Amino acid sequence: MLLGQSGALWPKHRTGWTRGGTGRPTAHHLAALGRESALYVVAALLAGSTATALGIGHSYWAMVAATVPLVGQSARARVNRGLQRILGTFAGLVLTALVLLPGLAAWQLVVVIAVAQFAAEMFVLRQYALAQAFVTPLALVSTELAHPSDPTGLLADRAIETVIGAAVGIALVLALHAAQRGARSAAAGA
């Protein structure tokens, strides 16, 4: 709280804030929003259904991973984000294994959670893959602390479901990109 309010001590370093326009969305904007929303629903549905059909215990991990590649301004940025999700998660799985497999005490797991939360918050806006390396232990150690189970099964589920979800999201991004490219080519040839 003190750090957040410290900017008030040096007002000359603050940037001004202006309210954005309050115009109503156009039909074009609403149609684009509908298409984007449908893409998120389809990605989550396909990934969750696939994970459920495979009998994996945490299908929501696949659903979340499927929506990650849908964020971005270009197909390249979206695919890159999906790959970052996979690579960051696998780095996080290594860290998680180092924490869970030795069987640390509950108070030690709480310290790991605090450190992972801090690190995730520090990196999430600048480097998504690195943030994922800390989000993964944060989620899995919290899960293990709340409901102790076999850590190897938990690690395997997270790995498989992340790959399923990110692959579904990347496939949808590439299919959408190909369809848009085809439509532009057809419009240019007409």
N, C-alpha and C. Protein backbone atom coordinates (compact mmCIF):
# COMPACT_ATOMS: atom_id res chain seq x y z
N MET A 1 0.83 -1.19 0.00
CA MET A 1 0.00 0.00 0.00
C MET A 1 0.88 1.25 0.00
N LEU A 2 1.91 1.22 0.83
CA LEU A 2 2.78 2.38 0.90
C LEU A 2 3.50 2.61 -0.43
N LEU A 3 3.96 1.55 -1.04
CA LEU A 3 4.64 1.67 -2.33
C LEU A 3 3.69 2.23 -3.38
N GLY A 4 2.47 1.74 -3.40
CA GLY A 4 1.48 2.22 -4.36
C GLY A 4 1.14 3.68 -4.18
N GLN A 5 1.14 4.15 -2.97
CA GLN A 5 0.80 5.54 -2.69
C GLN A 5 2.01 6.47 -2.73
N SER A 6 3.19 5.93 -2.88
CA SER A 6 4.40 6.75 -2.84
C SER A 6 4.46 7.75 -3.99
N GLY A 7 3.76 7.49 -5.08
CA GLY A 7 3.74 8.44 -6.19
C GLY A 7 3.16 9.78 -5.81
N ALA A 8 2.32 9.82 -4.79
CA ALA A 8 1.74 11.08 -4.35
C ALA A 8 2.80 12.01 -3.77
N LEU A 9 3.95 11.46 -3.36
CA LEU A 9 5.01 12.28 -2.79
C LEU A 9 5.73 13.11 -3.86
N TRP A 10 5.72 12.61 -5.11
CA TRP A 10 6.38 13.30 -6.21
C TRP A 10 5.39 13.55 -7.35
N PRO A 11 4.50 14.51 -7.19
CA PRO A 11 3.44 14.71 -8.18
C PRO A 11 3.97 15.07 -9.58
N LYS A 12 5.17 15.64 -9.68
CA LYS A 12 5.68 16.04 -10.99
C LYS A 12 6.00 14.82 -11.86
N HIS A 13 6.14 13.65 -11.26
CA HIS A 13 6.44 12.43 -12.01
C HIS A 13 5.19 11.64 -12.39
N ARG A 14 4.04 12.16 -12.05
CA ARG A 14 2.79 11.47 -12.37
C ARG A 14 2.30 11.90 -13.73
N THR A 15 1.69 11.00 -14.44
CA THR A 15 1.10 11.33 -15.73
C THR A 15 -0.38 11.62 -15.54
N GLY A 16 -0.87 12.50 -16.36
CA GLY A 16 -2.28 12.88 -16.28
C GLY A 16 -3.18 11.77 -16.77
N TRP A 17 -4.43 11.82 -16.36
CA TRP A 17 -5.40 10.82 -16.76
C TRP A 17 -6.56 11.54 -17.42
N THR A 18 -6.92 11.07 -18.59
CA THR A 18 -8.08 11.64 -19.27
C THR A 18 -9.05 10.51 -19.56
N ARG A 19 -10.30 10.82 -19.45
CA ARG A 19 -11.35 9.83 -19.70
C ARG A 19 -11.48 9.61 -21.20
N GLY A 20 -11.59 8.34 -21.57
CA GLY A 20 -11.76 7.99 -22.98
C GLY A 20 -13.14 8.34 -23.49
N GLY A 21 -13.32 8.19 -24.77
CA GLY A 21 -14.61 8.48 -25.39
C GLY A 21 -15.71 7.57 -24.85
N THR A 22 -16.92 8.07 -24.87
CA THR A 22 -18.05 7.30 -24.37
C THR A 22 -19.01 6.94 -25.49
N GLY A 23 -18.48 6.91 -26.74
CA GLY A 23 -19.34 6.58 -27.87
C GLY A 23 -19.87 5.17 -27.78
N ARG A 24 -21.01 4.94 -28.36
CA ARG A 24 -21.61 3.62 -28.39
C ARG A 24 -20.89 2.74 -29.41
N PRO A 25 -20.81 1.43 -29.14
CA PRO A 25 -20.17 0.54 -30.11
C PRO A 25 -21.00 0.44 -31.39
N THR A 26 -20.32 0.34 -32.49
CA THR A 26 -21.00 0.22 -33.78
C THR A 26 -21.38 -1.23 -34.02
N ALA A 27 -22.17 -1.47 -35.04
CA ALA A 27 -22.55 -2.83 -35.40
C ALA A 27 -21.31 -3.64 -35.76
N HIS A 28 -20.35 -3.00 -36.40
CA HIS A 28 -19.09 -3.67 -36.76
C HIS A 28 -18.35 -4.13 -35.50
N HIS A 29 -18.29 -3.26 -34.49
CA HIS A 29 -17.62 -3.61 -33.23
C HIS A 29 -18.36 -4.75 -32.52
N LEU A 30 -19.68 -4.70 -32.51
CA LEU A 30 -20.45 -5.74 -31.85
C LEU A 30 -20.30 -7.08 -32.56
N ALA A 31 -20.24 -7.06 -33.89
CA ALA A 31 -20.04 -8.30 -34.65
C ALA A 31 -18.65 -8.88 -34.36
N ALA A 32 -17.64 -8.02 -34.32
CA ALA A 32 -16.28 -8.47 -34.00
C ALA A 32 -16.22 -9.04 -32.59
N LEU A 33 -16.91 -8.41 -31.66
CA LEU A 33 -16.95 -8.90 -30.28
C LEU A 33 -17.64 -10.27 -30.22
N GLY A 34 -18.70 -10.44 -30.98
CA GLY A 34 -19.40 -11.73 -31.04
C GLY A 34 -18.51 -12.83 -31.61
N ARG A 35 -17.77 -12.52 -32.68
CA ARG A 35 -16.86 -13.51 -33.27
C ARG A 35 -15.76 -13.88 -32.29
N GLU A 36 -15.21 -12.88 -31.64
CA GLU A 36 -14.13 -13.14 -30.67
C GLU A 36 -14.65 -13.96 -29.49
N SER A 37 -15.82 -13.64 -29.00
CA SER A 37 -16.41 -14.39 -27.89
C SER A 37 -16.66 -15.84 -28.29
N ALA A 38 -17.18 -16.04 -29.49
CA ALA A 38 -17.44 -17.40 -29.98
C ALA A 38 -16.14 -18.19 -30.07
N LEU A 39 -15.06 -17.53 -30.47
CA LEU A 39 -13.77 -18.20 -30.56
C LEU A 39 -13.31 -18.70 -29.19
N TYR A 40 -13.50 -17.89 -28.17
CA TYR A 40 -13.14 -18.29 -26.80
C TYR A 40 -13.99 -19.47 -26.33
N VAL A 41 -15.26 -19.42 -26.62
CA VAL A 41 -16.16 -20.51 -26.21
C VAL A 41 -15.77 -21.81 -26.91
N VAL A 42 -15.53 -21.74 -28.22
CA VAL A 42 -15.17 -22.93 -28.98
C VAL A 42 -13.84 -23.50 -28.48
N ALA A 43 -12.86 -22.64 -28.23
CA ALA A 43 -11.55 -23.11 -27.75
C ALA A 43 -11.69 -23.82 -26.41
N ALA A 44 -12.40 -23.22 -25.48
CA ALA A 44 -12.57 -23.83 -24.16
C ALA A 44 -13.37 -25.12 -24.26
N LEU A 45 -14.39 -25.13 -25.09
CA LEU A 45 -15.22 -26.33 -25.24
C LEU A 45 -14.43 -27.49 -25.84
N LEU A 46 -13.67 -27.21 -26.90
CA LEU A 46 -12.88 -28.27 -27.54
C LEU A 46 -11.80 -28.81 -26.59
N ALA A 47 -11.08 -27.91 -25.94
CA ALA A 47 -10.00 -28.35 -25.04
C ALA A 47 -10.55 -29.10 -23.83
N GLY A 48 -11.60 -28.56 -23.24
CA GLY A 48 -12.20 -29.22 -22.08
C GLY A 48 -12.78 -30.58 -22.43
N SER A 49 -13.43 -30.66 -23.58
CA SER A 49 -14.00 -31.95 -24.03
C SER A 49 -12.91 -32.98 -24.30
N THR A 50 -11.82 -32.53 -24.90
CA THR A 50 -10.71 -33.44 -25.18
C THR A 50 -10.10 -33.97 -23.88
N ALA A 51 -9.85 -33.08 -22.94
CA ALA A 51 -9.27 -33.50 -21.65
C ALA A 51 -10.22 -34.43 -20.90
N THR A 52 -11.51 -34.12 -20.95
CA THR A 52 -12.49 -34.96 -20.28
C THR A 52 -12.56 -36.33 -20.94
N ALA A 53 -12.54 -36.37 -22.27
CA ALA A 53 -12.58 -37.65 -23.00
C ALA A 53 -11.37 -38.52 -22.68
N LEU A 54 -10.24 -37.87 -22.40
CA LEU A 54 -9.02 -38.61 -22.06
C LEU A 54 -9.00 -39.02 -20.59
N GLY A 55 -9.98 -38.54 -19.81
CA GLY A 55 -10.07 -38.92 -18.41
C GLY A 55 -9.09 -38.20 -17.49
N ILE A 56 -8.64 -37.03 -17.91
CA ILE A 56 -7.69 -36.27 -17.08
C ILE A 56 -8.49 -35.51 -16.03
N GLY A 57 -7.97 -35.43 -14.83
CA GLY A 57 -8.71 -34.92 -13.69
C GLY A 57 -8.92 -33.43 -13.59
N HIS A 58 -8.23 -32.63 -14.35
CA HIS A 58 -8.34 -31.17 -14.21
C HIS A 58 -8.60 -30.54 -15.58
N SER A 59 -9.73 -30.83 -16.18
CA SER A 59 -9.99 -30.38 -17.54
C SER A 59 -10.00 -28.85 -17.67
N TYR A 60 -10.25 -28.15 -16.59
CA TYR A 60 -10.25 -26.68 -16.65
C TYR A 60 -8.86 -26.14 -16.97
N TRP A 61 -7.80 -26.88 -16.65
CA TRP A 61 -6.46 -26.43 -17.02
C TRP A 61 -6.32 -26.39 -18.54
N ALA A 62 -6.89 -27.38 -19.21
CA ALA A 62 -6.85 -27.39 -20.68
C ALA A 62 -7.69 -26.25 -21.23
N MET A 63 -8.81 -25.97 -20.61
CA MET A 63 -9.69 -24.89 -21.08
C MET A 63 -9.01 -23.53 -20.97
N VAL A 64 -8.35 -23.30 -19.86
CA VAL A 64 -7.63 -22.04 -19.67
C VAL A 64 -6.48 -21.93 -20.66
N ALA A 65 -5.73 -23.00 -20.82
CA ALA A 65 -4.60 -22.99 -21.75
C ALA A 65 -5.06 -22.76 -23.19
N ALA A 66 -6.27 -23.19 -23.53
CA ALA A 66 -6.79 -23.00 -24.88
C ALA A 66 -7.12 -21.54 -25.17
N THR A 67 -7.47 -20.79 -24.15
CA THR A 67 -7.83 -19.39 -24.39
C THR A 67 -6.61 -18.48 -24.44
N VAL A 68 -5.50 -18.94 -23.90
CA VAL A 68 -4.29 -18.11 -23.86
C VAL A 68 -3.82 -17.67 -25.25
N PRO A 69 -3.76 -18.58 -26.25
CA PRO A 69 -3.30 -18.14 -27.57
C PRO A 69 -4.26 -17.19 -28.29
N LEU A 70 -5.43 -17.00 -27.78
CA LEU A 70 -6.39 -16.13 -28.43
C LEU A 70 -6.15 -14.66 -28.14
N VAL A 71 -5.22 -14.39 -27.24
CA VAL A 71 -4.90 -13.01 -26.87
C VAL A 71 -3.73 -12.53 -27.72
N GLY A 72 -3.91 -11.48 -28.46
CA GLY A 72 -2.83 -10.94 -29.26
C GLY A 72 -3.37 -10.18 -30.46
N GLN A 73 -2.51 -9.35 -31.03
CA GLN A 73 -2.93 -8.50 -32.14
C GLN A 73 -2.74 -9.16 -33.50
N SER A 74 -1.94 -10.20 -33.57
CA SER A 74 -1.68 -10.85 -34.84
C SER A 74 -1.62 -12.36 -34.62
N ALA A 75 -1.71 -13.11 -35.72
CA ALA A 75 -1.61 -14.57 -35.61
C ALA A 75 -0.26 -14.97 -35.04
N ARG A 76 0.79 -14.28 -35.45
CA ARG A 76 2.12 -14.59 -34.94
C ARG A 76 2.21 -14.36 -33.43
N ALA A 77 1.67 -13.25 -32.96
CA ALA A 77 1.69 -12.95 -31.53
C ALA A 77 0.87 -13.97 -30.75
N ARG A 78 -0.24 -14.40 -31.32
CA ARG A 78 -1.10 -15.37 -30.65
C ARG A 78 -0.43 -16.74 -30.56
N VAL A 79 0.17 -17.18 -31.64
CA VAL A 79 0.87 -18.47 -31.62
C VAL A 79 2.04 -18.40 -30.64
N ASN A 80 2.76 -17.29 -30.67
CA ASN A 80 3.88 -17.09 -29.75
C ASN A 80 3.41 -17.19 -28.30
N ARG A 81 2.27 -16.62 -28.00
CA ARG A 81 1.74 -16.67 -26.63
C ARG A 81 1.38 -18.10 -26.24
N GLY A 82 0.83 -18.86 -27.17
CA GLY A 82 0.53 -20.26 -26.89
C GLY A 82 1.78 -21.07 -26.61
N LEU A 83 2.82 -20.81 -27.39
CA LEU A 83 4.10 -21.51 -27.17
C LEU A 83 4.73 -21.09 -25.85
N GLN A 84 4.59 -19.80 -25.51
CA GLN A 84 5.10 -19.33 -24.22
C GLN A 84 4.37 -20.02 -23.07
N ARG A 85 3.08 -20.27 -23.25
CA ARG A 85 2.31 -20.96 -22.21
C ARG A 85 2.88 -22.36 -21.98
N ILE A 86 3.17 -23.06 -23.07
CA ILE A 86 3.70 -24.41 -22.96
C ILE A 86 5.09 -24.39 -22.32
N LEU A 87 5.98 -23.57 -22.87
CA LEU A 87 7.36 -23.54 -22.36
C LEU A 87 7.43 -23.06 -20.91
N GLY A 88 6.66 -22.02 -20.60
CA GLY A 88 6.65 -21.51 -19.22
C GLY A 88 6.09 -22.53 -18.24
N THR A 89 5.05 -23.22 -18.67
CA THR A 89 4.46 -24.24 -17.80
C THR A 89 5.44 -25.37 -17.55
N PHE A 90 6.15 -25.80 -18.60
CA PHE A 90 7.11 -26.89 -18.40
C PHE A 90 8.27 -26.46 -17.51
N ALA A 91 8.71 -25.22 -17.63
CA ALA A 91 9.74 -24.72 -16.69
C ALA A 91 9.18 -24.71 -15.27
N GLY A 92 7.92 -24.30 -15.14
CA GLY A 92 7.28 -24.29 -13.84
C GLY A 92 7.09 -25.68 -13.27
N LEU A 93 6.87 -26.65 -14.14
CA LEU A 93 6.73 -28.04 -13.67
C LEU A 93 8.04 -28.56 -13.08
N VAL A 94 9.16 -28.14 -13.67
CA VAL A 94 10.46 -28.53 -13.10
C VAL A 94 10.61 -27.93 -11.71
N LEU A 95 10.29 -26.63 -11.58
CA LEU A 95 10.36 -25.99 -10.26
C LEU A 95 9.40 -26.66 -9.27
N THR A 96 8.21 -26.97 -9.73
CA THR A 96 7.22 -27.60 -8.86
C THR A 96 7.69 -28.97 -8.39
N ALA A 97 8.28 -29.73 -9.29
CA ALA A 97 8.80 -31.05 -8.92
C ALA A 97 9.88 -30.91 -7.84
N LEU A 98 10.73 -29.89 -7.97
CA LEU A 98 11.78 -29.66 -6.98
C LEU A 98 11.21 -29.31 -5.61
N VAL A 99 10.00 -28.76 -5.62
CA VAL A 99 9.36 -28.37 -4.36
C VAL A 99 8.51 -29.51 -3.79
N LEU A 100 7.72 -30.17 -4.63
CA LEU A 100 6.77 -31.16 -4.12
C LEU A 100 7.37 -32.54 -3.86
N LEU A 101 8.27 -32.96 -4.68
CA LEU A 101 8.77 -34.33 -4.54
C LEU A 101 9.55 -34.58 -3.25
N PRO A 102 10.31 -33.60 -2.73
CA PRO A 102 11.00 -33.87 -1.46
C PRO A 102 10.07 -33.95 -0.26
N GLY A 103 8.80 -33.51 -0.40
CA GLY A 103 7.86 -33.60 0.72
C GLY A 103 8.11 -32.56 1.78
N LEU A 104 8.11 -31.30 1.40
CA LEU A 104 8.34 -30.21 2.36
C LEU A 104 7.20 -30.10 3.35
N ALA A 105 7.48 -29.46 4.47
CA ALA A 105 6.46 -29.20 5.49
C ALA A 105 5.49 -28.14 4.99
N ALA A 106 4.32 -28.10 5.60
CA ALA A 106 3.28 -27.15 5.17
C ALA A 106 3.76 -25.71 5.24
N TRP A 107 4.47 -25.33 6.29
CA TRP A 107 4.93 -23.94 6.40
C TRP A 107 5.92 -23.60 5.29
N GLN A 108 6.71 -24.59 4.85
CA GLN A 108 7.65 -24.36 3.76
C GLN A 108 6.91 -24.18 2.44
N LEU A 109 5.84 -24.92 2.26
CA LEU A 109 5.02 -24.77 1.05
C LEU A 109 4.37 -23.39 1.01
N VAL A 110 3.97 -22.89 2.16
CA VAL A 110 3.38 -21.54 2.22
C VAL A 110 4.42 -20.49 1.81
N VAL A 111 5.65 -20.66 2.23
CA VAL A 111 6.72 -19.75 1.82
C VAL A 111 6.93 -19.83 0.31
N VAL A 112 6.92 -21.04 -0.24
CA VAL A 112 7.05 -21.22 -1.70
C VAL A 112 5.92 -20.51 -2.42
N ILE A 113 4.69 -20.63 -1.91
CA ILE A 113 3.54 -19.97 -2.52
C ILE A 113 3.73 -18.46 -2.53
N ALA A 114 4.19 -17.91 -1.42
CA ALA A 114 4.40 -16.46 -1.34
C ALA A 114 5.46 -15.99 -2.33
N VAL A 115 6.55 -16.71 -2.42
CA VAL A 115 7.63 -16.35 -3.35
C VAL A 115 7.14 -16.48 -4.79
N ALA A 116 6.43 -17.55 -5.09
CA ALA A 116 5.91 -17.75 -6.45
C ALA A 116 4.91 -16.67 -6.82
N GLN A 117 4.05 -16.28 -5.89
CA GLN A 117 3.07 -15.21 -6.15
C GLN A 117 3.79 -13.91 -6.46
N PHE A 118 4.79 -13.57 -5.67
CA PHE A 118 5.55 -12.34 -5.89
C PHE A 118 6.22 -12.37 -7.26
N ALA A 119 6.89 -13.47 -7.58
CA ALA A 119 7.60 -13.57 -8.85
C ALA A 119 6.63 -13.52 -10.03
N ALA A 120 5.51 -14.18 -9.92
CA ALA A 120 4.52 -14.16 -11.00
C ALA A 120 4.02 -12.74 -11.25
N GLU A 121 3.74 -12.02 -10.19
CA GLU A 121 3.27 -10.63 -10.33
C GLU A 121 4.34 -9.73 -10.94
N MET A 122 5.59 -10.00 -10.64
CA MET A 122 6.67 -9.18 -11.17
C MET A 122 6.88 -9.40 -12.67
N PHE A 123 6.63 -10.59 -13.16
CA PHE A 123 6.94 -10.90 -14.55
C PHE A 123 5.73 -10.93 -15.49
N VAL A 124 4.53 -11.00 -14.98
CA VAL A 124 3.37 -11.27 -15.83
C VAL A 124 3.16 -10.23 -16.92
N LEU A 125 3.46 -8.99 -16.69
CA LEU A 125 3.25 -7.97 -17.72
C LEU A 125 4.41 -7.86 -18.70
N ARG A 126 5.58 -8.31 -18.32
CA ARG A 126 6.76 -8.15 -19.17
C ARG A 126 7.14 -9.40 -19.94
N GLN A 127 7.00 -10.57 -19.32
CA GLN A 127 7.45 -11.81 -19.97
C GLN A 127 6.52 -12.94 -19.53
N TYR A 128 5.57 -13.27 -20.40
CA TYR A 128 4.54 -14.24 -20.05
C TYR A 128 5.12 -15.62 -19.74
N ALA A 129 6.07 -16.09 -20.53
CA ALA A 129 6.63 -17.43 -20.30
C ALA A 129 7.31 -17.51 -18.94
N LEU A 130 8.06 -16.49 -18.58
CA LEU A 130 8.73 -16.49 -17.28
C LEU A 130 7.71 -16.42 -16.15
N ALA A 131 6.66 -15.64 -16.34
CA ALA A 131 5.60 -15.58 -15.33
C ALA A 131 4.97 -16.96 -15.14
N GLN A 132 4.76 -17.68 -16.24
CA GLN A 132 4.17 -19.02 -16.15
C GLN A 132 5.06 -19.97 -15.36
N ALA A 133 6.35 -19.75 -15.42
CA ALA A 133 7.28 -20.60 -14.66
C ALA A 133 7.03 -20.46 -13.15
N PHE A 134 6.41 -19.34 -12.74
CA PHE A 134 6.10 -19.15 -11.32
C PHE A 134 4.61 -19.37 -11.03
N VAL A 135 3.75 -19.13 -12.02
CA VAL A 135 2.32 -19.38 -11.84
C VAL A 135 2.07 -20.88 -11.65
N THR A 136 2.80 -21.70 -12.39
CA THR A 136 2.60 -23.15 -12.30
C THR A 136 2.90 -23.68 -10.90
N PRO A 137 4.06 -23.36 -10.30
CA PRO A 137 4.26 -23.83 -8.92
C PRO A 137 3.25 -23.22 -7.95
N LEU A 138 2.88 -21.98 -8.18
CA LEU A 138 1.90 -21.33 -7.32
C LEU A 138 0.60 -22.13 -7.32
N ALA A 139 0.10 -22.47 -8.49
CA ALA A 139 -1.16 -23.20 -8.60
C ALA A 139 -1.04 -24.62 -8.05
N LEU A 140 0.02 -25.31 -8.43
CA LEU A 140 0.13 -26.71 -8.05
C LEU A 140 0.49 -26.90 -6.58
N VAL A 141 1.34 -26.05 -6.05
CA VAL A 141 1.68 -26.17 -4.63
C VAL A 141 0.46 -25.81 -3.79
N SER A 142 -0.30 -24.81 -4.22
CA SER A 142 -1.55 -24.46 -3.51
C SER A 142 -2.53 -25.62 -3.53
N THR A 143 -2.67 -26.24 -4.70
CA THR A 143 -3.56 -27.39 -4.83
C THR A 143 -3.10 -28.53 -3.93
N GLU A 144 -1.82 -28.80 -3.95
CA GLU A 144 -1.27 -29.90 -3.15
C GLU A 144 -1.40 -29.61 -1.65
N LEU A 145 -1.24 -28.36 -1.28
CA LEU A 145 -1.36 -27.99 0.14
C LEU A 145 -2.81 -28.17 0.61
N ALA A 146 -3.77 -27.80 -0.24
CA ALA A 146 -5.18 -27.91 0.12
C ALA A 146 -5.67 -29.35 0.10
N HIS A 147 -5.24 -30.11 -0.91
CA HIS A 147 -5.68 -31.51 -1.06
C HIS A 147 -4.49 -32.37 -1.42
N PRO A 148 -3.74 -32.84 -0.43
CA PRO A 148 -2.56 -33.65 -0.72
C PRO A 148 -2.90 -34.88 -1.58
N SER A 149 -2.05 -35.11 -2.57
CA SER A 149 -2.25 -36.25 -3.46
C SER A 149 -0.88 -36.69 -3.96
N ASP A 150 -0.89 -37.50 -5.00
CA ASP A 150 0.36 -37.94 -5.61
C ASP A 150 0.88 -36.79 -6.49
N PRO A 151 2.00 -36.17 -6.14
CA PRO A 151 2.50 -35.04 -6.92
C PRO A 151 2.83 -35.39 -8.37
N THR A 152 3.26 -36.62 -8.62
CA THR A 152 3.62 -36.97 -10.00
C THR A 152 2.39 -36.96 -10.90
N GLY A 153 1.26 -37.41 -10.38
CA GLY A 153 0.02 -37.36 -11.16
C GLY A 153 -0.41 -35.93 -11.44
N LEU A 154 -0.26 -35.07 -10.45
CA LEU A 154 -0.60 -33.66 -10.60
C LEU A 154 0.28 -33.00 -11.65
N LEU A 155 1.58 -33.29 -11.61
CA LEU A 155 2.52 -32.73 -12.58
C LEU A 155 2.19 -33.22 -13.99
N ALA A 156 1.89 -34.50 -14.12
CA ALA A 156 1.57 -35.06 -15.43
C ALA A 156 0.29 -34.46 -15.99
N ASP A 157 -0.74 -34.33 -15.14
CA ASP A 157 -2.00 -33.73 -15.59
C ASP A 157 -1.78 -32.32 -16.11
N ARG A 158 -1.00 -31.54 -15.37
CA ARG A 158 -0.76 -30.15 -15.78
C ARG A 158 -0.04 -30.11 -17.12
N ALA A 159 0.95 -30.96 -17.31
CA ALA A 159 1.71 -30.99 -18.56
C ALA A 159 0.81 -31.37 -19.73
N ILE A 160 0.07 -32.45 -19.57
CA ILE A 160 -0.77 -32.94 -20.67
C ILE A 160 -1.87 -31.93 -21.00
N GLU A 161 -2.52 -31.41 -19.99
CA GLU A 161 -3.63 -30.50 -20.24
C GLU A 161 -3.17 -29.16 -20.80
N THR A 162 -1.99 -28.71 -20.42
CA THR A 162 -1.46 -27.48 -21.00
C THR A 162 -1.18 -27.68 -22.49
N VAL A 163 -0.58 -28.79 -22.83
CA VAL A 163 -0.30 -29.07 -24.25
C VAL A 163 -1.60 -29.19 -25.04
N ILE A 164 -2.57 -29.92 -24.50
CA ILE A 164 -3.86 -30.06 -25.19
C ILE A 164 -4.50 -28.69 -25.42
N GLY A 165 -4.60 -27.93 -24.35
CA GLY A 165 -5.26 -26.63 -24.45
C GLY A 165 -4.55 -25.67 -25.39
N ALA A 166 -3.25 -25.53 -25.22
CA ALA A 166 -2.50 -24.60 -26.07
C ALA A 166 -2.54 -25.05 -27.53
N ALA A 167 -2.48 -26.36 -27.77
CA ALA A 167 -2.55 -26.86 -29.15
C ALA A 167 -3.91 -26.55 -29.77
N VAL A 168 -4.98 -26.70 -29.02
CA VAL A 168 -6.31 -26.36 -29.52
C VAL A 168 -6.38 -24.87 -29.84
N GLY A 169 -5.90 -24.03 -28.93
CA GLY A 169 -5.93 -22.58 -29.16
C GLY A 169 -5.10 -22.18 -30.37
N ILE A 170 -3.90 -22.74 -30.48
CA ILE A 170 -3.03 -22.43 -31.62
C ILE A 170 -3.67 -22.90 -32.93
N ALA A 171 -4.26 -24.08 -32.92
CA ALA A 171 -4.93 -24.59 -34.13
C ALA A 171 -6.07 -23.68 -34.55
N LEU A 172 -6.85 -23.19 -33.60
CA LEU A 172 -7.94 -22.27 -33.94
C LEU A 172 -7.40 -20.95 -34.49
N VAL A 173 -6.33 -20.45 -33.90
CA VAL A 173 -5.72 -19.21 -34.40
C VAL A 173 -5.25 -19.40 -35.83
N LEU A 174 -4.58 -20.50 -36.10
CA LEU A 174 -4.07 -20.75 -37.46
C LEU A 174 -5.21 -20.96 -38.45
N ALA A 175 -6.27 -21.65 -38.03
CA ALA A 175 -7.43 -21.85 -38.91
C ALA A 175 -8.11 -20.52 -39.21
N LEU A 176 -8.27 -19.69 -38.21
CA LEU A 176 -8.87 -18.37 -38.40
C LEU A 176 -8.01 -17.51 -39.31
N HIS A 177 -6.70 -17.56 -39.11
CA HIS A 177 -5.77 -16.78 -39.94
C HIS A 177 -5.86 -17.23 -41.40
N ALA A 178 -5.89 -18.53 -41.63
CA ALA A 178 -6.00 -19.06 -42.99
C ALA A 178 -7.31 -18.64 -43.64
N ALA A 179 -8.39 -18.70 -42.87
CA ALA A 179 -9.70 -18.30 -43.41
C ALA A 179 -9.72 -16.81 -43.75
N GLN A 180 -9.15 -15.99 -42.89
CA GLN A 180 -9.11 -14.54 -43.16
C GLN A 180 -8.23 -14.24 -44.36
N ARG A 181 -7.13 -14.94 -44.48
CA ARG A 181 -6.23 -14.75 -45.61
C ARG A 181 -6.93 -15.15 -46.91
N GLY A 182 -7.65 -16.27 -46.88
CA GLY A 182 -8.41 -16.70 -48.05
C GLY A 182 -9.48 -15.72 -48.44
N ALA A 183 -10.17 -15.17 -47.43
CA ALA A 183 -11.21 -14.18 -47.72
C ALA A 183 -10.61 -12.91 -48.31
N ARG A 184 -9.46 -12.49 -47.82
CA ARG A 184 -8.81 -11.29 -48.38
C ARG A 184 -8.35 -11.54 -49.81
N SER A 185 -7.84 -12.74 -50.07
CA SER A 185 -7.40 -13.08 -51.44
C SER A 185 -8.57 -13.11 -52.40
N ALA A 186 -9.69 -13.68 -51.94
CA ALA A 186 -10.88 -13.73 -52.79
C ALA A 186 -11.42 -12.33 -53.04
N ALA A 187 -11.39 -11.48 -52.04
CA ALA A 187 -11.89 -10.10 -52.20
C ALA A 187 -10.97 -9.30 -53.13
N ALA A 188 -9.68 -9.56 -53.04
CA ALA A 188 -8.73 -8.84 -53.90
C ALA A 188 -8.85 -9.30 -55.35
N GLY A 189 -9.19 -10.58 -55.58
CA GLY A 189 -9.32 -11.12 -56.92
C GLY A 189 -10.65 -10.76 -57.55
N ALA A 190 -11.61 -10.35 -56.77
CA ALA A 190 -12.94 -10.06 -57.31
C ALA A 190 -13.04 -8.71 -57.95
